[in-house]
């Protein structure tokens, strides 16, 4: 195998490895350590908490709409949400 073919083979192996890492979501930090893709996003926990609280509020609003309450009770429930 001549040196040119060896260089082409090494570059091809590196390219295939990069494609596989991207496909499976493996990233590297500044030190070269491999991290899963969800470990890169520091805001993921905050966003999950926000989505959870929004789902709870939607559940309350759905309950208010579907229950057969009087108008004054509905007004009190809406004021509690504010």
Protein backbone atom coordinates (compact mmCIF):
# COMPACT_ATOMS: atom_id res chain seq x y z
CA UNK A 1 0.00 0.00 0.00
CA UNK A 2 1.55 3.30 -1.04
CA UNK A 3 1.49 6.35 1.28
CA UNK A 4 -1.25 8.13 -0.70
CA UNK A 5 -3.65 5.20 -0.33
CA UNK A 6 -2.88 5.01 3.39
CA UNK A 7 -3.70 8.71 3.89
CA UNK A 8 -6.96 8.33 1.95
CA UNK A 9 -7.89 5.28 4.05
CA UNK A 10 -7.18 7.14 7.32
CA UNK A 11 -9.25 10.13 6.23
CA UNK A 12 -12.13 7.85 5.22
CA UNK A 13 -12.04 6.07 8.59
CA UNK A 14 -12.08 9.43 10.39
CA UNK A 15 -15.01 10.65 8.29
CA UNK A 16 -17.04 7.51 8.97
CA UNK A 17 -16.32 7.80 12.71
CA UNK A 18 -17.47 11.45 12.70
CA UNK A 19 -20.70 10.56 10.93
CA UNK A 20 -21.41 7.77 13.41
CA UNK A 21 -20.72 10.04 16.40
CA UNK A 22 -23.11 12.64 15.00
CA UNK A 23 -25.76 10.02 14.29
CA UNK A 24 -25.70 8.66 17.83
CA UNK A 25 -25.49 12.12 19.44
CA UNK A 26 -22.04 11.90 21.00
CA UNK A 27 -20.30 15.25 21.49
CA UNK A 28 -16.89 16.14 22.87
CA UNK A 29 -16.03 18.87 25.36
CA UNK A 30 -12.88 21.03 25.33
CA UNK A 31 -10.87 18.30 27.05
CA UNK A 32 -11.81 15.68 24.44
CA UNK A 33 -14.17 13.80 26.75
CA UNK A 34 -17.25 12.35 25.07
CA UNK A 35 -20.61 13.63 26.33
CA UNK A 36 -24.10 12.52 25.42
CA UNK A 37 -26.04 15.14 23.48
CA UNK A 38 -28.45 16.00 26.32
CA UNK A 39 -25.55 16.80 28.67
CA UNK A 40 -24.52 19.70 26.41
CA UNK A 41 -27.70 21.73 27.02
CA UNK A 42 -27.63 23.33 30.50
CA UNK A 43 -31.15 24.79 30.12
CA UNK A 44 -32.85 21.41 29.68
CA UNK A 45 -33.77 21.10 33.36
CA UNK A 46 -35.19 24.61 33.52
CA UNK A 47 -37.25 24.03 30.39
CA UNK A 48 -38.62 20.73 31.77
CA UNK A 49 -39.73 22.49 34.96
CA UNK A 50 -41.38 25.25 32.96
CA UNK A 51 -43.21 22.75 30.74
CA UNK A 52 -44.40 20.86 33.83
CA UNK A 53 -45.81 24.04 35.39
CA UNK A 54 -47.51 25.02 32.13
CA UNK A 55 -49.12 21.58 31.90
CA UNK A 56 -50.45 21.98 35.44
CA UNK A 57 -51.95 25.35 34.55
CA UNK A 58 -53.56 23.91 31.43
CA UNK A 59 -55.06 21.11 33.52
CA UNK A 60 -56.59 23.69 35.89
CA UNK A 61 -58.00 25.69 32.99
CA UNK A 62 -59.49 22.54 31.43
CA UNK A 63 -61.08 21.65 34.75
CA UNK A 64 -62.54 25.16 35.04
CA UNK A 65 -64.03 25.00 31.58
CA UNK A 66 -65.47 21.50 31.82
CA UNK A 67 -66.92 21.75 35.34
CA UNK A 68 -70.47 23.06 35.73
CA UNK A 69 -69.66 25.94 38.06
CA UNK A 70 -71.53 29.15 38.49
CA UNK A 71 -70.11 32.35 37.06
CA UNK A 72 -69.01 33.65 40.47
CA UNK A 73 -67.14 30.42 41.27
CA UNK A 74 -65.47 30.61 37.86
CA UNK A 75 -64.41 34.19 38.57
CA UNK A 76 -62.92 33.14 41.94
CA UNK A 77 -60.95 30.31 40.32
CA UNK A 78 -59.57 32.61 37.62
CA UNK A 79 -58.51 35.13 40.28
CA UNK A 80 -56.66 32.35 42.16
CA UNK A 81 -54.63 31.67 39.05
CA UNK A 82 -53.43 35.26 38.83
